[in-house]
């Protein structure tokens, strides 16, 4: 008896990204969660927290505050 292979499905994302370039030359992607995109991922939160870090001038010491703010902004 032959076994059937599952059909490959193309995964598309409805998460919108926008590139941001800072005055110090660093670039990052701004991630905007949409209601159709499903749950917010840790990667999206990480990217937003990094944006906040860069926006503060790259000053270390507030990583937890950046992470929590990113979670709030992305609605997690």
PDB file of N, CA and C in Angstrom:
ATOM      1  N   UNK A   1       0.837  -1.177   0.000  1.00  0.00           N
ATOM      2  CA  UNK A   1       0.000   0.000   0.000  1.00  0.00           C
ATOM      3  C   UNK A   1       0.886   1.245   0.000  1.00  0.00           C
ATOM      4  N   UNK A   2       0.591   2.184  -0.867  1.00  0.00           N
ATOM      5  CA  UNK A   2       1.383   3.404  -0.983  1.00  0.00           C
ATOM      6  C   UNK A   2       0.964   4.406   0.085  1.00  0.00           C
ATOM      7  N   UNK A   3       1.945   5.147   0.573  1.00  0.00           N
ATOM      8  CA  UNK A   3       1.635   6.187   1.559  1.00  0.00           C
ATOM      9  C   UNK A   3       1.568   7.527   0.839  1.00  0.00           C
ATOM     10  N   UNK A   4       0.730   8.372   1.349  1.00  0.00           N
ATOM     11  CA  UNK A   4       0.554   9.691   0.748  1.00  0.00           C
ATOM     12  C   UNK A   4       1.453  10.699   1.454  1.00  0.00           C
ATOM     13  N   UNK A   5       2.082  11.519   0.659  1.00  0.00           N
ATOM     14  CA  UNK A   5       2.876  12.602   1.222  1.00  0.00           C
ATOM     15  C   UNK A   5       1.956  13.792   1.470  1.00  0.00           C
ATOM     16  N   UNK A   6       2.142  14.463   2.589  1.00  0.00           N
ATOM     17  CA  UNK A   6       1.330  15.667   2.809  1.00  0.00           C
ATOM     18  C   UNK A   6       1.750  16.755   1.837  1.00  0.00           C
ATOM     19  N   UNK A   7       0.774  17.521   1.405  1.00  0.00           N
ATOM     20  CA  UNK A   7       1.060  18.618   0.497  1.00  0.00           C
ATOM     21  C   UNK A   7       1.855  19.694   1.220  1.00  0.00           C
ATOM     22  N   UNK A   8       2.817  20.240   0.524  1.00  0.00           N
ATOM     23  CA  UNK A   8       3.593  21.333   1.093  1.00  0.00           C
ATOM     24  C   UNK A   8       2.736  22.589   1.073  1.00  0.00           C
ATOM     25  N   UNK A   9       2.748  23.291   2.177  1.00  0.00           N
ATOM     26  CA  UNK A   9       1.988  24.527   2.243  1.00  0.00           C
ATOM     27  C   UNK A   9       2.951  25.692   2.331  1.00  0.00           C
ATOM     28  N   UNK A  10       2.607  26.732   1.665  1.00  0.00           N
ATOM     29  CA  UNK A  10       3.425  27.931   1.693  1.00  0.00           C
ATOM     30  C   UNK A  10       3.003  28.768   2.888  1.00  0.00           C
ATOM     31  N   UNK A  11       3.980  29.078   3.739  1.00  0.00           N
ATOM     32  CA  UNK A  11       3.683  29.879   4.913  1.00  0.00           C
ATOM     33  C   UNK A  11       3.922  31.340   4.592  1.00  0.00           C
ATOM     34  N   UNK A  12       2.923  32.115   4.856  1.00  0.00           N
ATOM     35  CA  UNK A  12       3.069  33.557   4.660  1.00  0.00           C
ATOM     36  C   UNK A  12       2.829  34.238   5.980  1.00  0.00           C
ATOM     37  N   UNK A  13       3.435  35.349   6.137  1.00  0.00           N
ATOM     38  CA  UNK A  13       3.295  36.110   7.362  1.00  0.00           C
ATOM     39  C   UNK A  13       2.561  37.405   7.089  1.00  0.00           C
ATOM     40  N   UNK A  14       1.678  37.768   7.990  1.00  0.00           N
ATOM     41  CA  UNK A  14       0.990  39.037   7.843  1.00  0.00           C
ATOM     42  C   UNK A  14       1.593  40.093   8.764  1.00  0.00           C
ATOM     43  N   UNK A  15       2.767  39.799   9.310  1.00  0.00           N
ATOM     44  CA  UNK A  15       3.453  40.758  10.157  1.00  0.00           C
ATOM     45  C   UNK A  15       4.165  41.763   9.255  1.00  0.00           C
ATOM     46  N   UNK A  16       3.949  43.025   9.514  1.00  0.00           N
ATOM     47  CA  UNK A  16       4.542  44.073   8.701  1.00  0.00           C
ATOM     48  C   UNK A  16       5.840  44.535   9.349  1.00  0.00           C
ATOM     49  N   UNK A  17       6.851  44.731   8.523  1.00  0.00           N
ATOM     50  CA  UNK A  17       8.106  45.248   9.041  1.00  0.00           C
ATOM     51  C   UNK A  17       8.452  46.547   8.334  1.00  0.00           C
ATOM     52  N   UNK A  18       9.171  47.382   9.018  1.00  0.00           N
ATOM     53  CA  UNK A  18       9.590  48.656   8.465  1.00  0.00           C
ATOM     54  C   UNK A  18      11.026  48.887   8.911  1.00  0.00           C
ATOM     55  N   UNK A  19      11.913  49.122   7.964  1.00  0.00           N
ATOM     56  CA  UNK A  19      13.316  49.339   8.299  1.00  0.00           C
ATOM     57  C   UNK A  19      13.499  50.734   8.879  1.00  0.00           C
ATOM     58  N   UNK A  20      14.308  50.811   9.909  1.00  0.00           N
ATOM     59  CA  UNK A  20      14.640  52.076  10.535  1.00  0.00           C
ATOM     60  C   UNK A  20      16.155  52.189  10.574  1.00  0.00           C
ATOM     61  N   UNK A  21      16.688  53.307  10.154  1.00  0.00           N
ATOM     62  CA  UNK A  21      18.126  53.543  10.224  1.00  0.00           C
ATOM     63  C   UNK A  21      18.353  54.686  11.198  1.00  0.00           C
ATOM     64  N   UNK A  22      19.193  54.437  12.191  1.00  0.00           N
ATOM     65  CA  UNK A  22      19.475  55.438  13.206  1.00  0.00           C
ATOM     66  C   UNK A  22      20.669  56.293  12.788  1.00  0.00           C
ATOM     67  N   UNK A  23      20.846  57.418  13.441  1.00  0.00           N
ATOM     68  CA  UNK A  23      21.927  58.339  13.091  1.00  0.00           C
ATOM     69  C   UNK A  23      23.308  57.720  13.278  1.00  0.00           C
ATOM     70  N   UNK A  24      23.413  56.684  14.124  1.00  0.00           N
ATOM     71  CA  UNK A  24      24.703  56.039  14.325  1.00  0.00           C
ATOM     72  C   UNK A  24      24.969  54.967  13.267  1.00  0.00           C
ATOM     73  N   UNK A  25      24.084  54.850  12.277  1.00  0.00           N
ATOM     74  CA  UNK A  25      24.296  53.910  11.177  1.00  0.00           C
ATOM     75  C   UNK A  25      23.685  52.544  11.385  1.00  0.00           C
ATOM     76  N   UNK A  26      23.184  52.256  12.581  1.00  0.00           N
ATOM     77  CA  UNK A  26      22.559  50.957  12.825  1.00  0.00           C
ATOM     78  C   UNK A  26      21.183  50.918  12.178  1.00  0.00           C
ATOM     79  N   UNK A  27      20.851  49.779  11.650  1.00  0.00           N
ATOM     80  CA  UNK A  27      19.531  49.596  11.055  1.00  0.00           C
ATOM     81  C   UNK A  27      18.837  48.462  11.782  1.00  0.00           C
ATOM     82  N   UNK A  28      17.549  48.557  11.892  1.00  0.00           N
ATOM     83  CA  UNK A  28      16.761  47.508  12.520  1.00  0.00           C
ATOM     84  C   UNK A  28      15.392  47.470  11.861  1.00  0.00           C
ATOM     85  N   UNK A  29      14.687  46.402  12.062  1.00  0.00           N
ATOM     86  CA  UNK A  29      13.348  46.274  11.502  1.00  0.00           C
ATOM     87  C   UNK A  29      12.331  46.540  12.599  1.00  0.00           C
ATOM     88  N   UNK A  30      11.387  47.380  12.302  1.00  0.00           N
ATOM     89  CA  UNK A  30      10.317  47.663  13.232  1.00  0.00           C
ATOM     90  C   UNK A  30       9.199  46.667  12.971  1.00  0.00           C
ATOM     91  N   UNK A  31       8.793  45.967  14.000  1.00  0.00           N
ATOM     92  CA  UNK A  31       7.785  44.931  13.845  1.00  0.00           C
ATOM     93  C   UNK A  31       6.476  45.422  14.436  1.00  0.00           C
ATOM     94  N   UNK A  32       5.437  45.404  13.621  1.00  0.00           N
ATOM     95  CA  UNK A  32       4.112  45.796  14.073  1.00  0.00           C
ATOM     96  C   UNK A  32       3.214  44.569  14.073  1.00  0.00           C
ATOM     97  N   UNK A  33       2.719  44.213  15.236  1.00  0.00           N
ATOM     98  CA  UNK A  33       1.830  43.058  15.329  1.00  0.00           C
ATOM     99  C   UNK A  33       0.440  43.458  14.863  1.00  0.00           C
ATOM    100  N   UNK A  34      -0.168  42.605  14.098  1.00  0.00           N
ATOM    101  CA  UNK A  34      -1.538  42.839  13.668  1.00  0.00           C
ATOM    102  C   UNK A  34      -2.412  41.751  14.267  1.00  0.00           C
ATOM    103  N   UNK A  35      -3.674  42.017  14.388  1.00  0.00           N
ATOM    104  CA  UNK A  35      -4.560  41.044  14.999  1.00  0.00           C
ATOM    105  C   UNK A  35      -4.648  39.761  14.179  1.00  0.00           C
ATOM    106  N   UNK A  36      -4.463  39.866  12.867  1.00  0.00           N
ATOM    107  CA  UNK A  36      -4.516  38.687  12.013  1.00  0.00           C
ATOM    108  C   UNK A  36      -3.217  37.896  12.042  1.00  0.00           C
ATOM    109  N   UNK A  37      -2.175  38.466  12.617  1.00  0.00           N
ATOM    110  CA  UNK A  37      -0.871  37.811  12.621  1.00  0.00           C
ATOM    111  C   UNK A  37      -0.790  36.702  13.663  1.00  0.00           C
ATOM    112  N   UNK A  38      -1.710  36.643  14.567  1.00  0.00           N
ATOM    113  CA  UNK A  38      -1.654  35.629  15.606  1.00  0.00           C
ATOM    114  C   UNK A  38      -0.864  36.126  16.799  1.00  0.00           C
ATOM    115  N   UNK A  39      -0.406  35.199  17.629  1.00  0.00           N
ATOM    116  CA  UNK A  39       0.304  35.601  18.837  1.00  0.00           C
ATOM    117  C   UNK A  39       1.652  36.243  18.522  1.00  0.00           C
ATOM    118  N   UNK A  40       2.055  37.127  19.383  1.00  0.00           N
ATOM    119  CA  UNK A  40       3.342  37.806  19.245  1.00  0.00           C
ATOM    120  C   UNK A  40       4.442  36.825  19.650  1.00  0.00           C
ATOM    121  N   UNK A  41       5.490  36.758  18.859  1.00  0.00           N
ATOM    122  CA  UNK A  41       6.576  35.826  19.138  1.00  0.00           C
ATOM    123  C   UNK A  41       7.673  36.506  19.948  1.00  0.00           C
ATOM    124  N   UNK A  42       8.504  35.697  20.581  1.00  0.00           N
ATOM    125  CA  UNK A  42       9.645  36.216  21.329  1.00  0.00           C
ATOM    126  C   UNK A  42      10.593  36.954  20.399  1.00  0.00           C
ATOM    127  N   UNK A  43      10.698  36.517  19.157  1.00  0.00           N
ATOM    128  CA  UNK A  43      11.567  37.182  18.189  1.00  0.00           C
ATOM    129  C   UNK A  43      11.073  38.605  17.902  1.00  0.00           C
ATOM    130  N   UNK A  44       9.774  38.785  17.810  1.00  0.00           N
ATOM    131  CA  UNK A  44       9.214  40.119  17.590  1.00  0.00           C
ATOM    132  C   UNK A  44       9.479  41.023  18.794  1.00  0.00           C
ATOM    133  N   UNK A  45       9.337  40.460  19.980  1.00  0.00           N
ATOM    134  CA  UNK A  45       9.598  41.233  21.195  1.00  0.00           C
ATOM    135  C   UNK A  45      11.076  41.591  21.262  1.00  0.00           C
ATOM    136  N   UNK A  46      11.946  40.646  20.934  1.00  0.00           N
ATOM    137  CA  UNK A  46      13.383  40.888  20.945  1.00  0.00           C
ATOM    138  C   UNK A  46      13.757  42.015  19.993  1.00  0.00           C
ATOM    139  N   UNK A  47      13.176  41.994  18.794  1.00  0.00           N
ATOM    140  CA  UNK A  47      13.477  43.025  17.805  1.00  0.00           C
ATOM    141  C   UNK A  47      13.020  44.398  18.303  1.00  0.00           C
ATOM    142  N   UNK A  48      11.846  44.470  18.893  1.00  0.00           N
ATOM    143  CA  UNK A  48      11.344  45.753  19.390  1.00  0.00           C
ATOM    144  C   UNK A  48      12.161  46.229  20.587  1.00  0.00           C
ATOM    145  N   UNK A  49      12.548  45.308  21.485  1.00  0.00           N
ATOM    146  CA  UNK A  49      13.373  45.683  22.633  1.00  0.00           C
ATOM    147  C   UNK A  49      14.721  46.221  22.160  1.00  0.00           C
ATOM    148  N   UNK A  50      15.266  45.643  21.103  1.00  0.00           N
ATOM    149  CA  UNK A  50      16.531  46.122  20.548  1.00  0.00           C
ATOM    150  C   UNK A  50      16.364  47.518  19.954  1.00  0.00           C
ATOM    151  N   UNK A  51      15.231  47.773  19.310  1.00  0.00           N
ATOM    152  CA  UNK A  51      14.949  49.114  18.801  1.00  0.00           C
ATOM    153  C   UNK A  51      14.929  50.126  19.940  1.00  0.00           C
ATOM    154  N   UNK A  52      14.291  49.751  21.034  1.00  0.00           N
ATOM    155  CA  UNK A  52      14.222  50.646  22.192  1.00  0.00           C
ATOM    156  C   UNK A  52      15.614  50.896  22.763  1.00  0.00           C
ATOM    157  N   UNK A  53      16.424  49.856  22.824  1.00  0.00           N
ATOM    158  CA  UNK A  53      17.809  49.959  23.291  1.00  0.00           C
ATOM    159  C   UNK A  53      18.585  50.955  22.431  1.00  0.00           C
ATOM    160  N   UNK A  54      18.458  50.828  21.113  1.00  0.00           N
ATOM    161  CA  UNK A  54      19.161  51.735  20.211  1.00  0.00           C
ATOM    162  C   UNK A  54      18.624  53.162  20.313  1.00  0.00           C
ATOM    163  N   UNK A  55      17.311  53.290  20.493  1.00  0.00           N
ATOM    164  CA  UNK A  55      16.700  54.616  20.603  1.00  0.00           C
ATOM    165  C   UNK A  55      17.193  55.342  21.855  1.00  0.00           C
ATOM    166  N   UNK A  56      17.561  54.584  22.876  1.00  0.00           N
ATOM    167  CA  UNK A  56      18.109  55.174  24.111  1.00  0.00           C
ATOM    168  C   UNK A  56      19.597  55.464  23.972  1.00  0.00           C
ATOM    169  N   UNK A  57      20.138  55.275  22.783  1.00  0.00           N
ATOM    170  CA  UNK A  57      21.552  55.550  22.571  1.00  0.00           C
ATOM    171  C   UNK A  57      22.451  54.358  22.845  1.00  0.00           C
ATOM    172  N   UNK A  58      21.870  53.172  23.011  1.00  0.00           N
ATOM    173  CA  UNK A  58      22.668  51.970  23.241  1.00  0.00           C
ATOM    174  C   UNK A  58      23.226  51.862  24.647  1.00  0.00           C
ATOM    175  N   UNK A  59      22.625  52.593  25.579  1.00  0.00           N
ATOM    176  CA  UNK A  59      23.082  52.548  26.969  1.00  0.00           C
ATOM    177  C   UNK A  59      22.640  51.230  27.613  1.00  0.00           C
ATOM    178  N   UNK A  60      23.587  50.528  28.214  1.00  0.00           N
ATOM    179  CA  UNK A  60      23.288  49.242  28.846  1.00  0.00           C
ATOM    180  C   UNK A  60      22.673  49.437  30.229  1.00  0.00           C
ATOM    181  N   UNK A  61      22.000  48.395  30.708  1.00  0.00           N
ATOM    182  CA  UNK A  61      21.465  48.409  32.062  1.00  0.00           C
ATOM    183  C   UNK A  61      19.957  48.419  32.166  1.00  0.00           C
ATOM    184  N   UNK A  62      19.248  48.669  31.071  1.00  0.00           N
ATOM    185  CA  UNK A  62      17.791  48.717  31.124  1.00  0.00           C
ATOM    186  C   UNK A  62      17.161  47.669  30.220  1.00  0.00           C
ATOM    187  N   UNK A  63      17.821  46.522  30.068  1.00  0.00           N
ATOM    188  CA  UNK A  63      17.329  45.496  29.150  1.00  0.00           C
ATOM    189  C   UNK A  63      15.971  44.949  29.558  1.00  0.00           C
ATOM    190  N   UNK A  64      15.750  44.754  30.846  1.00  0.00           N
ATOM    191  CA  UNK A  64      14.464  44.239  31.300  1.00  0.00           C
ATOM    192  C   UNK A  64      13.351  45.253  31.023  1.00  0.00           C
ATOM    193  N   UNK A  65      13.630  46.531  31.280  1.00  0.00           N
ATOM    194  CA  UNK A  65      12.634  47.573  31.016  1.00  0.00           C
ATOM    195  C   UNK A  65      12.306  47.629  29.526  1.00  0.00           C
ATOM    196  N   UNK A  66      13.328  47.484  28.677  1.00  0.00           N
ATOM    197  CA  UNK A  66      13.097  47.480  27.226  1.00  0.00           C
ATOM    198  C   UNK A  66      12.227  46.300  26.827  1.00  0.00           C
ATOM    199  N   UNK A  67      12.516  45.120  27.383  1.00  0.00           N
ATOM    200  CA  UNK A  67      11.759  43.907  27.055  1.00  0.00           C
ATOM    201  C   UNK A  67      10.295  44.061  27.475  1.00  0.00           C
ATOM    202  N   UNK A  68      10.076  44.540  28.697  1.00  0.00           N
ATOM    203  CA  UNK A  68       8.708  44.689  29.196  1.00  0.00           C
ATOM    204  C   UNK A  68       7.935  45.740  28.404  1.00  0.00           C
ATOM    205  N   UNK A  69       8.597  46.833  28.034  1.00  0.00           N
ATOM    206  CA  UNK A  69       7.934  47.854  27.212  1.00  0.00           C
ATOM    207  C   UNK A  69       7.580  47.289  25.843  1.00  0.00           C
ATOM    208  N   UNK A  70       8.491  46.503  25.264  1.00  0.00           N
ATOM    209  CA  UNK A  70       8.223  45.890  23.955  1.00  0.00           C
ATOM    210  C   UNK A  70       7.019  44.961  24.044  1.00  0.00           C
ATOM    211  N   UNK A  71       6.927  44.191  25.122  1.00  0.00           N
ATOM    212  CA  UNK A  71       5.764  43.308  25.309  1.00  0.00           C
ATOM    213  C   UNK A  71       4.474  44.113  25.375  1.00  0.00           C
ATOM    214  N   UNK A  72       4.497  45.205  26.131  1.00  0.00           N
ATOM    215  CA  UNK A  72       3.294  46.041  26.238  1.00  0.00           C
ATOM    216  C   UNK A  72       2.904  46.623  24.885  1.00  0.00           C
ATOM    217  N   UNK A  73       3.894  47.138  24.151  1.00  0.00           N
ATOM    218  CA  UNK A  73       3.606  47.778  22.878  1.00  0.00           C
ATOM    219  C   UNK A  73       3.065  46.789  21.838  1.00  0.00           C
ATOM    220  N   UNK A  74       3.572  45.568  21.896  1.00  0.00           N
ATOM    221  CA  UNK A  74       3.145  44.562  20.915  1.00  0.00           C
ATOM    222  C   UNK A  74       1.894  43.814  21.372  1.00  0.00           C
ATOM    223  N   UNK A  75       1.437  44.090  22.587  1.00  0.00           N
ATOM    224  CA  UNK A  75       0.189  43.519  23.059  1.00  0.00           C
ATOM    225  C   UNK A  75       0.275  42.097  23.533  1.00  0.00           C
ATOM    226  N   UNK A  76       1.394  41.728  24.113  1.00  0.00           N
ATOM    227  CA  UNK A  76       1.516  40.362  24.622  1.00  0.00           C
ATOM    228  C   UNK A  76       1.210  40.306  26.072  1.00  0.00           C
TER     229      UNK A  76
END
